[in-house]
Amino acid sequence: MMMTEIAPPQTMSTRFGPGGGLYRIITPAAETAGRHFAFEAIEPPGGGPPLHIHQTEDEYFLVLEGELTFYIEGRVVKASAGESAFVPRGQAHCFKNCSTQLARVLVVFTPGDIEGFFDYGLPVNNARPSDDYLLQRIGALGPRFNLEVLGPSPL
């Protein structure tokens, strides 16, 4: 079944992502004794985060629906449903939905200590925060979670 619109479940575990997507918490870090943290992202066409580095977490992506383009340390990799990408800690990266359809991706962090960072996106309600607000929040929370924003996405 193809997605046609972003329709978030109305729960406190759903957040706005910095590129227009919705992030639904799948596995809180507490459920894995801090070893992992996972969320599902639904990204609209053009959606995705700015270029950034996680200093203390590895990040794994599994594309569930659609297609995403990843920028990882200067390499550009396209991944369709069923394909994955891995970003070791310390590497500059981002992703973007360069297609015309929604994309859905599972994102897993190891370890899961970064979970609190994703409060930057605020719980889903009826109004998406502005891009300026989201970037300001990322800038404020990032250093607490060893995340550095390097600039806009190169994709």
Foldseek 3Di string as FASTA:
>chain_A
DFDDDDDDDQDQQWFADLFGKIWGWDDALVNVVQFKTKIKIKAAAFGKDFWKFQQPKKKKKAWQAAKKWKQWQNDIDIDHHGDMDIHGGPIIMMMGRNDRGITMMMMMIGRNPCVVLRCLGPRDDPDGDDSVSSVVSCVVCVVVRRMDGPGGHPD
